[in-house]
Amino acid sequence: MRDRQIKQLNRKYLNKDAPTDVLAFAMPHPKEPGKNVFDIAVSADTAARNSRFYKSTPQKELKLYVIHGLLHLLGYDDLSPRKAALMRKKEKQYADT
């Protein structure tokens, strides 16, 4: 996904008028009550840009974004420094396996 596309999603769902690296969505399944469907949107543009900044590769950044999105879907958040540190620890754990 391009920055332009993820920016539109970020504006629509989070009221933030800027591109972001990853968005994760959990929605009720339209045909199976009690079940959910999940979606993770990642920005390839942001991955390419951040890979240069962090001296990584776009592929490693994309992998990290998907892991980050999955952690959100599993109930983790990064809204406080302590919770963000836990997410970073989990991201590293899963990215290195």
N, C-alpha and C. Protein backbone atom coordinates (compact mmCIF):
# COMPACT_ATOMS: atom_id res chain seq x y z
N MET A 1 0.85 -1.16 0.00
CA MET A 1 0.00 0.00 0.00
C MET A 1 0.90 1.24 0.00
N ARG A 2 0.45 2.25 -0.67
CA ARG A 2 1.21 3.51 -0.75
C ARG A 2 0.82 4.45 0.41
N ASP A 3 1.67 5.43 0.68
CA ASP A 3 1.38 6.39 1.74
C ASP A 3 0.03 7.08 1.53
N ARG A 4 -0.27 7.42 0.30
CA ARG A 4 -1.53 8.11 -0.01
C ARG A 4 -2.72 7.27 0.44
N GLN A 5 -2.66 5.97 0.20
CA GLN A 5 -3.77 5.09 0.56
C GLN A 5 -3.90 4.90 2.07
N ILE A 6 -2.76 4.69 2.74
CA ILE A 6 -2.84 4.47 4.19
C ILE A 6 -3.20 5.77 4.91
N LYS A 7 -2.83 6.90 4.32
CA LYS A 7 -3.24 8.19 4.89
C LYS A 7 -4.75 8.32 4.85
N GLN A 8 -5.38 7.89 3.77
CA GLN A 8 -6.84 7.94 3.66
C GLN A 8 -7.50 7.07 4.74
N LEU A 9 -6.95 5.88 4.95
CA LEU A 9 -7.48 4.99 6.00
C LEU A 9 -7.27 5.60 7.38
N ASN A 10 -6.10 6.16 7.61
CA ASN A 10 -5.78 6.77 8.90
C ASN A 10 -6.73 7.94 9.19
N ARG A 11 -7.03 8.72 8.16
CA ARG A 11 -7.96 9.84 8.32
C ARG A 11 -9.38 9.31 8.60
N LYS A 12 -9.79 8.33 7.83
CA LYS A 12 -11.15 7.81 7.95
C LYS A 12 -11.41 7.13 9.29
N TYR A 13 -10.47 6.30 9.75
CA TYR A 13 -10.71 5.49 10.93
C TYR A 13 -10.13 6.05 12.23
N LEU A 14 -9.07 6.85 12.14
CA LEU A 14 -8.43 7.36 13.36
C LEU A 14 -8.40 8.88 13.42
N ASN A 15 -8.98 9.55 12.43
CA ASN A 15 -9.01 11.01 12.40
C ASN A 15 -7.61 11.64 12.40
N LYS A 16 -6.66 10.95 11.82
CA LYS A 16 -5.29 11.46 11.73
C LYS A 16 -4.97 11.68 10.25
N ASP A 17 -4.67 12.92 9.90
CA ASP A 17 -4.46 13.28 8.50
C ASP A 17 -2.99 13.16 8.12
N ALA A 18 -2.46 11.94 8.25
CA ALA A 18 -1.05 11.69 7.93
C ALA A 18 -0.88 10.21 7.60
N PRO A 19 0.11 9.89 6.80
CA PRO A 19 0.40 8.47 6.57
C PRO A 19 0.96 7.85 7.85
N THR A 20 0.88 6.57 7.95
CA THR A 20 1.43 5.84 9.08
C THR A 20 2.04 4.55 8.57
N ASP A 21 2.74 3.83 9.42
CA ASP A 21 3.39 2.61 8.97
C ASP A 21 2.41 1.43 8.89
N VAL A 22 1.54 1.28 9.89
CA VAL A 22 0.64 0.12 9.94
C VAL A 22 -0.67 0.49 10.62
N LEU A 23 -1.75 -0.09 10.12
CA LEU A 23 -3.06 -0.01 10.75
C LEU A 23 -3.61 -1.43 10.86
N ALA A 24 -4.22 -1.74 11.99
CA ALA A 24 -4.80 -3.07 12.19
C ALA A 24 -6.27 -2.90 12.53
N PHE A 25 -7.09 -3.73 11.91
CA PHE A 25 -8.54 -3.65 12.07
C PHE A 25 -9.11 -5.00 12.47
N ALA A 26 -10.00 -4.99 13.44
CA ALA A 26 -10.80 -6.17 13.80
C ALA A 26 -12.25 -5.76 13.65
N MET A 27 -12.99 -6.53 12.87
CA MET A 27 -14.38 -6.19 12.58
C MET A 27 -15.25 -7.43 12.76
N PRO A 28 -16.51 -7.24 13.15
CA PRO A 28 -17.40 -8.40 13.23
C PRO A 28 -17.56 -9.06 11.85
N HIS A 29 -17.55 -10.36 11.85
CA HIS A 29 -17.76 -11.10 10.61
C HIS A 29 -19.17 -10.81 10.10
N PRO A 30 -19.31 -10.45 8.82
CA PRO A 30 -20.64 -10.06 8.31
C PRO A 30 -21.65 -11.21 8.27
N LYS A 31 -21.18 -12.45 8.22
CA LYS A 31 -22.11 -13.56 8.08
C LYS A 31 -22.06 -14.56 9.23
N GLU A 32 -21.10 -14.38 10.15
CA GLU A 32 -20.98 -15.32 11.26
C GLU A 32 -20.92 -14.55 12.58
N PRO A 33 -22.06 -14.34 13.20
CA PRO A 33 -22.10 -13.61 14.47
C PRO A 33 -21.17 -14.24 15.50
N GLY A 34 -20.51 -13.40 16.26
CA GLY A 34 -19.59 -13.89 17.29
C GLY A 34 -18.19 -14.11 16.79
N LYS A 35 -17.99 -14.01 15.48
CA LYS A 35 -16.66 -14.17 14.91
C LYS A 35 -16.21 -12.84 14.32
N ASN A 36 -14.92 -12.68 14.20
CA ASN A 36 -14.35 -11.45 13.64
C ASN A 36 -13.56 -11.74 12.39
N VAL A 37 -13.36 -10.71 11.60
CA VAL A 37 -12.41 -10.73 10.49
C VAL A 37 -11.36 -9.67 10.80
N PHE A 38 -10.16 -9.88 10.32
CA PHE A 38 -9.04 -9.01 10.65
C PHE A 38 -8.37 -8.53 9.38
N ASP A 39 -7.81 -7.33 9.45
CA ASP A 39 -7.08 -6.78 8.32
C ASP A 39 -5.91 -5.96 8.86
N ILE A 40 -4.80 -6.05 8.17
CA ILE A 40 -3.63 -5.25 8.51
C ILE A 40 -3.21 -4.52 7.24
N ALA A 41 -3.11 -3.20 7.34
CA ALA A 41 -2.66 -2.39 6.21
C ALA A 41 -1.27 -1.86 6.54
N VAL A 42 -0.32 -2.06 5.63
CA VAL A 42 1.04 -1.56 5.85
C VAL A 42 1.44 -0.68 4.67
N SER A 43 2.27 0.31 4.96
CA SER A 43 2.73 1.24 3.94
C SER A 43 4.12 0.85 3.44
N ALA A 44 4.19 0.47 2.18
CA ALA A 44 5.48 0.15 1.57
C ALA A 44 6.34 1.40 1.45
N ASP A 45 5.71 2.56 1.22
CA ASP A 45 6.46 3.82 1.14
C ASP A 45 7.15 4.12 2.46
N THR A 46 6.41 3.98 3.55
CA THR A 46 6.99 4.22 4.87
C THR A 46 8.08 3.21 5.18
N ALA A 47 7.88 1.96 4.80
CA ALA A 47 8.89 0.92 5.02
C ALA A 47 10.18 1.27 4.28
N ALA A 48 10.06 1.71 3.05
CA ALA A 48 11.26 2.08 2.27
C ALA A 48 11.97 3.27 2.91
N ARG A 49 11.20 4.27 3.30
CA ARG A 49 11.78 5.48 3.93
C ARG A 49 12.44 5.14 5.27
N ASN A 50 11.73 4.36 6.10
CA ASN A 50 12.27 4.02 7.41
C ASN A 50 13.45 3.06 7.33
N SER A 51 13.49 2.24 6.31
CA SER A 51 14.63 1.32 6.18
C SER A 51 15.93 2.09 5.98
N ARG A 52 15.87 3.20 5.28
CA ARG A 52 17.06 4.03 5.12
C ARG A 52 17.44 4.69 6.45
N PHE A 53 16.42 5.18 7.17
CA PHE A 53 16.66 5.86 8.44
C PHE A 53 17.23 4.89 9.48
N TYR A 54 16.66 3.68 9.57
CA TYR A 54 17.08 2.70 10.57
C TYR A 54 18.17 1.75 10.07
N LYS A 55 18.67 2.00 8.85
CA LYS A 55 19.72 1.16 8.24
C LYS A 55 19.29 -0.32 8.25
N SER A 56 18.10 -0.52 7.73
CA SER A 56 17.48 -1.83 7.64
C SER A 56 17.19 -2.11 6.18
N THR A 57 16.23 -2.97 5.91
CA THR A 57 15.76 -3.19 4.54
C THR A 57 14.25 -2.99 4.53
N PRO A 58 13.68 -2.64 3.38
CA PRO A 58 12.22 -2.51 3.31
C PRO A 58 11.50 -3.80 3.74
N GLN A 59 12.07 -4.95 3.39
CA GLN A 59 11.44 -6.22 3.76
C GLN A 59 11.41 -6.40 5.27
N LYS A 60 12.50 -6.06 5.96
CA LYS A 60 12.52 -6.18 7.42
C LYS A 60 11.54 -5.21 8.06
N GLU A 61 11.43 -4.01 7.51
CA GLU A 61 10.47 -3.04 8.04
C GLU A 61 9.04 -3.55 7.85
N LEU A 62 8.74 -4.08 6.66
CA LEU A 62 7.39 -4.60 6.42
C LEU A 62 7.07 -5.74 7.38
N LYS A 63 8.04 -6.62 7.60
CA LYS A 63 7.84 -7.73 8.55
C LYS A 63 7.54 -7.18 9.94
N LEU A 64 8.28 -6.17 10.36
CA LEU A 64 8.07 -5.55 11.66
C LEU A 64 6.68 -4.94 11.75
N TYR A 65 6.23 -4.29 10.68
CA TYR A 65 4.90 -3.66 10.67
C TYR A 65 3.80 -4.72 10.79
N VAL A 66 3.95 -5.83 10.10
CA VAL A 66 2.95 -6.89 10.18
C VAL A 66 2.92 -7.46 11.60
N ILE A 67 4.08 -7.68 12.19
CA ILE A 67 4.14 -8.16 13.58
C ILE A 67 3.47 -7.16 14.52
N HIS A 68 3.77 -5.89 14.32
CA HIS A 68 3.18 -4.84 15.15
C HIS A 68 1.65 -4.87 15.03
N GLY A 69 1.15 -4.98 13.81
CA GLY A 69 -0.30 -5.06 13.59
C GLY A 69 -0.91 -6.28 14.26
N LEU A 70 -0.24 -7.42 14.14
CA LEU A 70 -0.73 -8.64 14.79
C LEU A 70 -0.78 -8.48 16.31
N LEU A 71 0.23 -7.85 16.87
CA LEU A 71 0.23 -7.63 18.32
C LEU A 71 -0.96 -6.76 18.73
N HIS A 72 -1.26 -5.74 17.94
CA HIS A 72 -2.45 -4.93 18.23
C HIS A 72 -3.71 -5.79 18.20
N LEU A 73 -3.81 -6.65 17.20
CA LEU A 73 -5.00 -7.51 17.09
C LEU A 73 -5.09 -8.50 18.24
N LEU A 74 -3.94 -8.82 18.85
CA LEU A 74 -3.93 -9.73 20.00
C LEU A 74 -4.19 -8.99 21.32
N GLY A 75 -4.37 -7.67 21.23
CA GLY A 75 -4.73 -6.91 22.42
C GLY A 75 -3.64 -6.02 23.00
N TYR A 76 -2.46 -6.03 22.41
CA TYR A 76 -1.39 -5.16 22.90
C TYR A 76 -1.62 -3.74 22.38
N ASP A 77 -1.18 -2.75 23.18
CA ASP A 77 -1.20 -1.38 22.68
C ASP A 77 0.10 -0.70 23.08
N ASP A 78 0.33 0.44 22.49
CA ASP A 78 1.57 1.18 22.73
C ASP A 78 1.27 2.61 23.16
N LEU A 79 0.22 2.75 23.98
CA LEU A 79 -0.25 4.07 24.37
C LEU A 79 0.48 4.65 25.59
N SER A 80 1.28 3.85 26.26
CA SER A 80 2.09 4.35 27.36
C SER A 80 3.53 3.88 27.13
N PRO A 81 4.50 4.53 27.75
CA PRO A 81 5.89 4.09 27.57
C PRO A 81 6.11 2.64 27.98
N ARG A 82 5.47 2.22 29.06
CA ARG A 82 5.65 0.84 29.52
C ARG A 82 5.07 -0.16 28.51
N LYS A 83 3.87 0.14 28.02
CA LYS A 83 3.24 -0.75 27.04
C LYS A 83 3.98 -0.73 25.71
N ALA A 84 4.49 0.42 25.32
CA ALA A 84 5.27 0.51 24.08
C ALA A 84 6.55 -0.31 24.20
N ALA A 85 7.18 -0.27 25.35
CA ALA A 85 8.41 -1.06 25.56
C ALA A 85 8.11 -2.55 25.46
N LEU A 86 6.97 -2.97 26.01
CA LEU A 86 6.58 -4.38 25.92
C LEU A 86 6.35 -4.76 24.46
N MET A 87 5.68 -3.89 23.71
CA MET A 87 5.46 -4.19 22.29
C MET A 87 6.78 -4.29 21.54
N ARG A 88 7.71 -3.39 21.80
CA ARG A 88 9.02 -3.45 21.13
C ARG A 88 9.74 -4.76 21.44
N LYS A 89 9.63 -5.20 22.70
CA LYS A 89 10.25 -6.47 23.10
C LYS A 89 9.62 -7.63 22.33
N LYS A 90 8.29 -7.64 22.25
CA LYS A 90 7.58 -8.69 21.52
C LYS A 90 7.91 -8.64 20.02
N GLU A 91 7.96 -7.44 19.46
CA GLU A 91 8.30 -7.29 18.04
C GLU A 91 9.67 -7.90 17.76
N LYS A 92 10.62 -7.57 18.59
CA LYS A 92 11.99 -8.08 18.40
C LYS A 92 11.98 -9.60 18.53
N GLN A 93 11.26 -10.11 19.53
CA GLN A 93 11.19 -11.55 19.75
C GLN A 93 10.67 -12.27 18.50
N TYR A 94 9.59 -11.77 17.93
CA TYR A 94 8.99 -12.44 16.78
C TYR A 94 9.73 -12.14 15.48
N ALA A 95 10.32 -10.96 15.36
CA ALA A 95 11.05 -10.63 14.13
C ALA A 95 12.33 -11.43 14.01
N ASP A 96 12.90 -11.80 15.14
CA ASP A 96 14.17 -12.54 15.14
C ASP A 96 13.99 -14.04 15.00
N THR A 97 12.73 -14.52 14.97
CA THR A 97 12.53 -15.96 14.84
C THR A 97 12.28 -16.36 13.42
